[in-house]
Amino acid sequence: MIEHLKVEKGTIIRTVVLIFVIINQFLTLIGKNPIPYSSEEFEQIAAFIADFVMTIIVWWKNNSFTQAALHGDKRKDEIKSWSKSDK
């Protein structure tokens, strides 16, 4: 039996961005400027967005602030130590 799998949202987003970049490069190649900004401005904006997104991701990644999250981390560490001792 064939299992139906869903395409991840990230895959769709990356594909759309790739298509946008390819179209933009082609239009630039033929002398059209589809984005009303200079290359330097666009690079600065893209770099800012990438930095902002990565900062949020790195900060969010398992930074436990609430008591429930801290207890959950402690429980997770206990379970990991049990599985290591079973080997």
PDB file of N, CA and C in Angstrom:
ATOM      1  N   MET A   1       0.844  -1.173   0.000  1.00  0.00           N
ATOM      2  CA  MET A   1       0.000   0.000   0.000  1.00  0.00           C
ATOM      3  C   MET A   1       0.896   1.245   0.000  1.00  0.00           C
ATOM      4  N   ILE A   2       0.572   2.213  -0.807  1.00  0.00           N
ATOM      5  CA  ILE A   2       1.349   3.441  -0.902  1.00  0.00           C
ATOM      6  C   ILE A   2       0.826   4.442   0.119  1.00  0.00           C
ATOM      7  N   GLU A   3       1.751   4.978   0.912  1.00  0.00           N
ATOM      8  CA  GLU A   3       1.388   5.964   1.924  1.00  0.00           C
ATOM      9  C   GLU A   3       1.441   7.357   1.300  1.00  0.00           C
ATOM     10  N   HIS A   4       0.402   8.137   1.500  1.00  0.00           N
ATOM     11  CA  HIS A   4       0.374   9.503   0.982  1.00  0.00           C
ATOM     12  C   HIS A   4       1.062  10.421   1.977  1.00  0.00           C
ATOM     13  N   LEU A   5       2.074  11.121   1.484  1.00  0.00           N
ATOM     14  CA  LEU A   5       2.826  12.042   2.328  1.00  0.00           C
ATOM     15  C   LEU A   5       2.531  13.474   1.916  1.00  0.00           C
ATOM     16  N   LYS A   6       2.536  14.369   2.880  1.00  0.00           N
ATOM     17  CA  LYS A   6       2.299  15.786   2.605  1.00  0.00           C
ATOM     18  C   LYS A   6       3.638  16.485   2.368  1.00  0.00           C
ATOM     19  N   VAL A   7       3.642  17.406   1.423  1.00  0.00           N
ATOM     20  CA  VAL A   7       4.821  18.229   1.189  1.00  0.00           C
ATOM     21  C   VAL A   7       4.898  19.246   2.327  1.00  0.00           C
ATOM     22  N   GLU A   8       6.077  19.413   2.894  1.00  0.00           N
ATOM     23  CA  GLU A   8       6.237  20.340   4.010  1.00  0.00           C
ATOM     24  C   GLU A   8       6.097  21.783   3.545  1.00  0.00           C
ATOM     25  N   LYS A   9       5.608  22.632   4.440  1.00  0.00           N
ATOM     26  CA  LYS A   9       5.429  24.050   4.126  1.00  0.00           C
ATOM     27  C   LYS A   9       6.761  24.693   3.747  1.00  0.00           C
ATOM     28  N   GLY A  10       7.822  24.311   4.443  1.00  0.00           N
ATOM     29  CA  GLY A  10       9.138  24.871   4.162  1.00  0.00           C
ATOM     30  C   GLY A  10       9.589  24.578   2.742  1.00  0.00           C
ATOM     31  N   THR A  11       9.274  23.393   2.242  1.00  0.00           N
ATOM     32  CA  THR A  11       9.628  23.027   0.869  1.00  0.00           C
ATOM     33  C   THR A  11       8.897  23.919  -0.115  1.00  0.00           C
ATOM     34  N   ILE A  12       7.630  24.179   0.139  1.00  0.00           N
ATOM     35  CA  ILE A  12       6.845  25.035  -0.748  1.00  0.00           C
ATOM     36  C   ILE A  12       7.384  26.463  -0.718  1.00  0.00           C
ATOM     37  N   ILE A  13       7.673  26.973   0.463  1.00  0.00           N
ATOM     38  CA  ILE A  13       8.189  28.336   0.594  1.00  0.00           C
ATOM     39  C   ILE A  13       9.531  28.476  -0.122  1.00  0.00           C
ATOM     40  N   ARG A  14      10.438  27.512   0.077  1.00  0.00           N
ATOM     41  CA  ARG A  14      11.738  27.571  -0.589  1.00  0.00           C
ATOM     42  C   ARG A  14      11.593  27.524  -2.105  1.00  0.00           C
ATOM     43  N   THR A  15      10.651  26.727  -2.589  1.00  0.00           N
ATOM     44  CA  THR A  15      10.427  26.623  -4.032  1.00  0.00           C
ATOM     45  C   THR A  15       9.894  27.935  -4.597  1.00  0.00           C
ATOM     46  N   VAL A  16       8.943  28.557  -3.913  1.00  0.00           N
ATOM     47  CA  VAL A  16       8.391  29.833  -4.369  1.00  0.00           C
ATOM     48  C   VAL A  16       9.478  30.909  -4.380  1.00  0.00           C
ATOM     49  N   VAL A  17      10.282  30.963  -3.338  1.00  0.00           N
ATOM     50  CA  VAL A  17      11.372  31.942  -3.283  1.00  0.00           C
ATOM     51  C   VAL A  17      12.367  31.696  -4.408  1.00  0.00           C
ATOM     52  N   LEU A  18      12.699  30.442  -4.664  1.00  0.00           N
ATOM     53  CA  LEU A  18      13.618  30.105  -5.752  1.00  0.00           C
ATOM     54  C   LEU A  18      13.066  30.567  -7.100  1.00  0.00           C
ATOM     55  N   ILE A  19      11.789  30.315  -7.358  1.00  0.00           N
ATOM     56  CA  ILE A  19      11.170  30.743  -8.612  1.00  0.00           C
ATOM     57  C   ILE A  19      11.206  32.269  -8.723  1.00  0.00           C
ATOM     58  N   PHE A  20      10.902  32.967  -7.627  1.00  0.00           N
ATOM     59  CA  PHE A  20      10.958  34.425  -7.611  1.00  0.00           C
ATOM     60  C   PHE A  20      12.362  34.925  -7.944  1.00  0.00           C
ATOM     61  N   VAL A  21      13.369  34.319  -7.341  1.00  0.00           N
ATOM     62  CA  VAL A  21      14.757  34.731  -7.580  1.00  0.00           C
ATOM     63  C   VAL A  21      15.143  34.494  -9.040  1.00  0.00           C
ATOM     64  N   ILE A  22      14.758  33.349  -9.591  1.00  0.00           N
ATOM     65  CA  ILE A  22      15.087  33.043 -10.990  1.00  0.00           C
ATOM     66  C   ILE A  22      14.411  34.033 -11.930  1.00  0.00           C
ATOM     67  N   ILE A  23      13.141  34.337 -11.699  1.00  0.00           N
ATOM     68  CA  ILE A  23      12.436  35.313 -12.534  1.00  0.00           C
ATOM     69  C   ILE A  23      13.085  36.689 -12.410  1.00  0.00           C
ATOM     70  N   ASN A  24      13.425  37.080 -11.189  1.00  0.00           N
ATOM     71  CA  ASN A  24      14.072  38.366 -10.960  1.00  0.00           C
ATOM     72  C   ASN A  24      15.413  38.442 -11.687  1.00  0.00           C
ATOM     73  N   GLN A  25      16.200  37.379 -11.629  1.00  0.00           N
ATOM     74  CA  GLN A  25      17.495  37.362 -12.310  1.00  0.00           C
ATOM     75  C   GLN A  25      17.318  37.460 -13.813  1.00  0.00           C
ATOM     76  N   PHE A  26      16.342  36.753 -14.361  1.00  0.00           N
ATOM     77  CA  PHE A  26      16.087  36.797 -15.797  1.00  0.00           C
ATOM     78  C   PHE A  26      15.682  38.209 -16.232  1.00  0.00           C
ATOM     79  N   LEU A  27      14.770  38.830 -15.477  1.00  0.00           N
ATOM     80  CA  LEU A  27      14.335  40.187 -15.813  1.00  0.00           C
ATOM     81  C   LEU A  27      15.487  41.177 -15.718  1.00  0.00           C
ATOM     82  N   THR A  28      16.332  41.020 -14.735  1.00  0.00           N
ATOM     83  CA  THR A  28      17.511  41.878 -14.606  1.00  0.00           C
ATOM     84  C   THR A  28      18.450  41.666 -15.783  1.00  0.00           C
ATOM     85  N   LEU A  29      18.602  40.423 -16.208  1.00  0.00           N
ATOM     86  CA  LEU A  29      19.472  40.085 -17.336  1.00  0.00           C
ATOM     87  C   LEU A  29      19.023  40.765 -18.624  1.00  0.00           C
ATOM     88  N   ILE A  30      17.720  40.867 -18.844  1.00  0.00           N
ATOM     89  CA  ILE A  30      17.225  41.479 -20.077  1.00  0.00           C
ATOM     90  C   ILE A  30      16.998  42.991 -19.934  1.00  0.00           C
ATOM     91  N   GLY A  31      17.453  43.569 -18.827  1.00  0.00           N
ATOM     92  CA  GLY A  31      17.408  45.013 -18.667  1.00  0.00           C
ATOM     93  C   GLY A  31      16.208  45.558 -17.935  1.00  0.00           C
ATOM     94  N   LYS A  32      15.366  44.723 -17.436  1.00  0.00           N
ATOM     95  CA  LYS A  32      14.211  45.181 -16.649  1.00  0.00           C
ATOM     96  C   LYS A  32      14.614  45.179 -15.183  1.00  0.00           C
ATOM     97  N   ASN A  33      14.048  46.070 -14.410  1.00  0.00           N
ATOM     98  CA  ASN A  33      14.328  46.101 -12.981  1.00  0.00           C
ATOM     99  C   ASN A  33      13.021  45.867 -12.237  1.00  0.00           C
ATOM    100  N   PRO A  34      12.691  44.592 -11.961  1.00  0.00           N
ATOM    101  CA  PRO A  34      11.398  44.280 -11.342  1.00  0.00           C
ATOM    102  C   PRO A  34      11.276  44.767  -9.904  1.00  0.00           C
ATOM    103  N   ILE A  35      12.403  44.920  -9.243  1.00  0.00           N
ATOM    104  CA  ILE A  35      12.380  45.389  -7.856  1.00  0.00           C
ATOM    105  C   ILE A  35      12.902  46.821  -7.869  1.00  0.00           C
ATOM    106  N   PRO A  36      12.125  47.780  -7.379  1.00  0.00           N
ATOM    107  CA  PRO A  36      12.517  49.188  -7.499  1.00  0.00           C
ATOM    108  C   PRO A  36      13.598  49.627  -6.508  1.00  0.00           C
ATOM    109  N   TYR A  37      14.546  48.775  -6.220  1.00  0.00           N
ATOM    110  CA  TYR A  37      15.643  49.087  -5.312  1.00  0.00           C
ATOM    111  C   TYR A  37      16.949  48.729  -5.995  1.00  0.00           C
ATOM    112  N   SER A  38      18.014  49.353  -5.554  1.00  0.00           N
ATOM    113  CA  SER A  38      19.324  49.004  -6.099  1.00  0.00           C
ATOM    114  C   SER A  38      19.755  47.659  -5.518  1.00  0.00           C
ATOM    115  N   SER A  39      20.736  47.063  -6.134  1.00  0.00           N
ATOM    116  CA  SER A  39      21.237  45.767  -5.655  1.00  0.00           C
ATOM    117  C   SER A  39      21.732  45.870  -4.223  1.00  0.00           C
ATOM    118  N   GLU A  40      22.409  46.972  -3.913  1.00  0.00           N
ATOM    119  CA  GLU A  40      22.950  47.144  -2.555  1.00  0.00           C
ATOM    120  C   GLU A  40      21.829  47.246  -1.520  1.00  0.00           C
ATOM    121  N   GLU A  41      20.774  47.996  -1.851  1.00  0.00           N
ATOM    122  CA  GLU A  41      19.647  48.120  -0.932  1.00  0.00           C
ATOM    123  C   GLU A  41      18.951  46.773  -0.742  1.00  0.00           C
ATOM    124  N   PHE A  42      18.780  46.055  -1.829  1.00  0.00           N
ATOM    125  CA  PHE A  42      18.130  44.746  -1.743  1.00  0.00           C
ATOM    126  C   PHE A  42      18.965  43.781  -0.906  1.00  0.00           C
ATOM    127  N   GLU A  43      20.283  43.799  -1.090  1.00  0.00           N
ATOM    128  CA  GLU A  43      21.166  42.928  -0.303  1.00  0.00           C
ATOM    129  C   GLU A  43      21.096  43.270   1.176  1.00  0.00           C
ATOM    130  N   GLN A  44      21.046  44.562   1.495  1.00  0.00           N
ATOM    131  CA  GLN A  44      20.947  44.977   2.893  1.00  0.00           C
ATOM    132  C   GLN A  44      19.628  44.534   3.511  1.00  0.00           C
ATOM    133  N   ILE A  45      18.547  44.697   2.758  1.00  0.00           N
ATOM    134  CA  ILE A  45      17.233  44.266   3.253  1.00  0.00           C
ATOM    135  C   ILE A  45      17.209  42.755   3.452  1.00  0.00           C
ATOM    136  N   ALA A  46      17.723  42.002   2.471  1.00  0.00           N
ATOM    137  CA  ALA A  46      17.747  40.538   2.573  1.00  0.00           C
ATOM    138  C   ALA A  46      18.611  40.097   3.752  1.00  0.00           C
ATOM    139  N   ALA A  47      19.756  40.744   3.939  1.00  0.00           N
ATOM    140  CA  ALA A  47      20.638  40.392   5.059  1.00  0.00           C
ATOM    141  C   ALA A  47      19.951  40.685   6.391  1.00  0.00           C
ATOM    142  N   PHE A  48      19.254  41.811   6.483  1.00  0.00           N
ATOM    143  CA  PHE A  48      18.537  42.142   7.716  1.00  0.00           C
ATOM    144  C   PHE A  48      17.464  41.102   8.017  1.00  0.00           C
ATOM    145  N   ILE A  49      16.681  40.745   7.003  1.00  0.00           N
ATOM    146  CA  ILE A  49      15.617  39.756   7.199  1.00  0.00           C
ATOM    147  C   ILE A  49      16.202  38.417   7.637  1.00  0.00           C
ATOM    148  N   ALA A  50      17.276  37.980   6.973  1.00  0.00           N
ATOM    149  CA  ALA A  50      17.905  36.709   7.336  1.00  0.00           C
ATOM    150  C   ALA A  50      18.435  36.762   8.766  1.00  0.00           C
ATOM    151  N   ASP A  51      19.097  37.855   9.136  1.00  0.00           N
ATOM    152  CA  ASP A  51      19.607  37.997  10.503  1.00  0.00           C
ATOM    153  C   ASP A  51      18.479  37.987  11.519  1.00  0.00           C
ATOM    154  N   PHE A  52      17.404  38.705  11.226  1.00  0.00           N
ATOM    155  CA  PHE A  52      16.270  38.781  12.143  1.00  0.00           C
ATOM    156  C   PHE A  52      15.639  37.405  12.348  1.00  0.00           C
ATOM    157  N   VAL A  53      15.395  36.695  11.254  1.00  0.00           N
ATOM    158  CA  VAL A  53      14.769  35.370  11.329  1.00  0.00           C
ATOM    159  C   VAL A  53      15.667  34.406  12.098  1.00  0.00           C
ATOM    160  N   MET A  54      16.955  34.401  11.787  1.00  0.00           N
ATOM    161  CA  MET A  54      17.865  33.479  12.479  1.00  0.00           C
ATOM    162  C   MET A  54      17.988  33.822  13.963  1.00  0.00           C
ATOM    163  N   THR A  55      17.966  35.105  14.294  1.00  0.00           N
ATOM    164  CA  THR A  55      18.020  35.512  15.696  1.00  0.00           C
ATOM    165  C   THR A  55      16.815  34.977  16.459  1.00  0.00           C
ATOM    166  N   ILE A  56      15.638  35.102  15.886  1.00  0.00           N
ATOM    167  CA  ILE A  56      14.420  34.597  16.530  1.00  0.00           C
ATOM    168  C   ILE A  56      14.483  33.077  16.675  1.00  0.00           C
ATOM    169  N   ILE A  57      14.920  32.381  15.625  1.00  0.00           N
ATOM    170  CA  ILE A  57      14.997  30.914  15.676  1.00  0.00           C
ATOM    171  C   ILE A  57      15.973  30.462  16.748  1.00  0.00           C
ATOM    172  N   VAL A  58      17.154  31.060  16.763  1.00  0.00           N
ATOM    173  CA  VAL A  58      18.176  30.660  17.744  1.00  0.00           C
ATOM    174  C   VAL A  58      17.695  30.964  19.157  1.00  0.00           C
ATOM    175  N   TRP A  59      17.065  32.110  19.358  1.00  0.00           N
ATOM    176  CA  TRP A  59      16.585  32.457  20.683  1.00  0.00           C
ATOM    177  C   TRP A  59      15.474  31.515  21.129  1.00  0.00           C
ATOM    178  N   TRP A  60      14.571  31.180  20.230  1.00  0.00           N
ATOM    179  CA  TRP A  60      13.398  30.387  20.575  1.00  0.00           C
ATOM    180  C   TRP A  60      13.754  28.935  20.839  1.00  0.00           C
ATOM    181  N   LYS A  61      14.783  28.436  20.193  1.00  0.00           N
ATOM    182  CA  LYS A  61      15.137  27.016  20.253  1.00  0.00           C
ATOM    183  C   LYS A  61      15.408  26.579  21.687  1.00  0.00           C
ATOM    184  N   ASN A  62      14.417  26.019  22.295  1.00  0.00           N
ATOM    185  CA  ASN A  62      14.496  25.421  23.616  1.00  0.00           C
ATOM    186  C   ASN A  62      15.101  26.327  24.674  1.00  0.00           C
ATOM    187  N   ASN A  63      14.676  27.547  24.714  1.00  0.00           N
ATOM    188  CA  ASN A  63      15.020  28.443  25.816  1.00  0.00           C
ATOM    189  C   ASN A  63      13.848  28.410  26.780  1.00  0.00           C
ATOM    190  N   SER A  64      14.005  27.677  27.846  1.00  0.00           N
ATOM    191  CA  SER A  64      12.902  27.458  28.780  1.00  0.00           C
ATOM    192  C   SER A  64      12.865  28.567  29.823  1.00  0.00           C
ATOM    193  N   PHE A  65      11.764  29.291  29.856  1.00  0.00           N
ATOM    194  CA  PHE A  65      11.585  30.372  30.814  1.00  0.00           C
ATOM    195  C   PHE A  65      10.531  30.055  31.867  1.00  0.00           C
ATOM    196  N   THR A  66       9.502  29.326  31.499  1.00  0.00           N
ATOM    197  CA  THR A  66       8.427  29.066  32.453  1.00  0.00           C
ATOM    198  C   THR A  66       8.795  27.883  33.351  1.00  0.00           C
ATOM    199  N   GLN A  67       8.124  27.812  34.486  1.00  0.00           N
ATOM    200  CA  GLN A  67       8.371  26.705  35.411  1.00  0.00           C
ATOM    201  C   GLN A  67       8.027  25.366  34.764  1.00  0.00           C
ATOM    202  N   ALA A  68       6.945  25.333  34.001  1.00  0.00           N
ATOM    203  CA  ALA A  68       6.549  24.090  33.334  1.00  0.00           C
ATOM    204  C   ALA A  68       7.634  23.646  32.352  1.00  0.00           C
ATOM    205  N   ALA A  69       8.182  24.584  31.614  1.00  0.00           N
ATOM    206  CA  ALA A  69       9.224  24.244  30.645  1.00  0.00           C
ATOM    207  C   ALA A  69      10.497  23.788  31.352  1.00  0.00           C
ATOM    208  N   LEU A  70      10.852  24.435  32.445  1.00  0.00           N
ATOM    209  CA  LEU A  70      12.046  24.040  33.203  1.00  0.00           C
ATOM    210  C   LEU A  70      11.884  22.638  33.788  1.00  0.00           C
ATOM    211  N   HIS A  71      10.687  22.328  34.304  1.00  0.00           N
ATOM    212  CA  HIS A  71      10.424  20.974  34.817  1.00  0.00           C
ATOM    213  C   HIS A  71      10.464  19.964  33.673  1.00  0.00           C
ATOM    214  N   GLY A  72       9.941  20.348  32.525  1.00  0.00           N
ATOM    215  CA  GLY A  72       9.980  19.466  31.363  1.00  0.00           C
ATOM    216  C   GLY A  72      11.403  19.173  30.921  1.00  0.00           C
ATOM    217  N   ASP A  73      12.265  20.182  30.953  1.00  0.00           N
ATOM    218  CA  ASP A  73      13.679  19.972  30.603  1.00  0.00           C
ATOM    219  C   ASP A  73      14.345  19.011  31.586  1.00  0.00           C
ATOM    220  N   LYS A  74      14.023  19.185  32.869  1.00  0.00           N
ATOM    221  CA  LYS A  74      14.605  18.304  33.885  1.00  0.00           C
ATOM    222  C   LYS A  74      14.152  16.859  33.654  1.00  0.00           C
ATOM    223  N   ARG A  75      12.880  16.689  33.371  1.00  0.00           N
ATOM    224  CA  ARG A  75      12.331  15.342  33.111  1.00  0.00           C
ATOM    225  C   ARG A  75      12.976  14.731  31.869  1.00  0.00           C
ATOM    226  N   LYS A  76      13.136  15.533  30.819  1.00  0.00           N
ATOM    227  CA  LYS A  76      13.759  15.070  29.582  1.00  0.00           C
ATOM    228  C   LYS A  76      15.185  14.590  29.861  1.00  0.00           C
ATOM    229  N   ASP A  77      15.943  15.364  30.654  1.00  0.00           N
ATOM    230  CA  ASP A  77      17.318  14.986  30.975  1.00  0.00           C
ATOM    231  C   ASP A  77      17.366  13.679  31.772  1.00  0.00           C
ATOM    232  N   GLU A  78      16.389  13.498  32.682  1.00  0.00           N
ATOM    233  CA  GLU A  78      16.319  12.252  33.452  1.00  0.00           C
ATOM    234  C   GLU A  78      16.081  11.060  32.529  1.00  0.00           C
ATOM    235  N   ILE A  79      15.159  11.206  31.605  1.00  0.00           N
ATOM    236  CA  ILE A  79      14.843  10.121  30.668  1.00  0.00           C
ATOM    237  C   ILE A  79      16.057   9.804  29.800  1.00  0.00           C
ATOM    238  N   LYS A  80      16.765  10.834  29.348  1.00  0.00           N
ATOM    239  CA  LYS A  80      17.963  10.619  28.538  1.00  0.00           C
ATOM    240  C   LYS A  80      19.034   9.869  29.330  1.00  0.00           C
ATOM    241  N   SER A  81      19.174  10.224  30.602  1.00  0.00           N
ATOM    242  CA  SER A  81      20.192   9.545  31.417  1.00  0.00           C
ATOM    243  C   SER A  81      19.809   8.092  31.658  1.00  0.00           C
ATOM    244  N   TRP A  82      18.521   7.783  31.773  1.00  0.00           N
ATOM    245  CA  TRP A  82      18.087   6.399  31.934  1.00  0.00           C
ATOM    246  C   TRP A  82      18.414   5.592  30.681  1.00  0.00           C
ATOM    247  N   SER A  83      18.140   6.178  29.509  1.00  0.00           N
ATOM    248  CA  SER A  83      18.369   5.436  28.275  1.00  0.00           C
ATOM    249  C   SER A  83      19.858   5.215  28.049  1.00  0.00           C
ATOM    250  N   LYS A  84      20.709   6.114  28.500  1.00  0.00           N
ATOM    251  CA  LYS A  84      22.161   5.922  28.385  1.00  0.00           C
ATOM    252  C   LYS A  84      22.648   4.814  29.307  1.00  0.00           C
ATOM    253  N   SER A  85      22.044   4.711  30.469  1.00  0.00           N
ATOM    254  CA  SER A  85      22.488   3.694  31.432  1.00  0.00           C
ATOM    255  C   SER A  85      22.009   2.291  31.028  1.00  0.00           C
ATOM    256  N   ASP A  86      20.987   2.208  30.160  1.00  0.00           N
ATOM    257  CA  ASP A  86      20.484   0.918  29.686  1.00  0.00           C
ATOM    258  C   ASP A  86      21.404   0.279  28.663  1.00  0.00           C
ATOM    259  N   LYS A  87      22.298   1.052  28.072  1.00  0.00           N
ATOM    260  CA  LYS A  87      23.157   0.528  27.006  1.00  0.00           C
ATOM    261  C   LYS A  87      24.319  -0.249  27.523  1.00  0.00           C
TER     262      LYS A  87
END
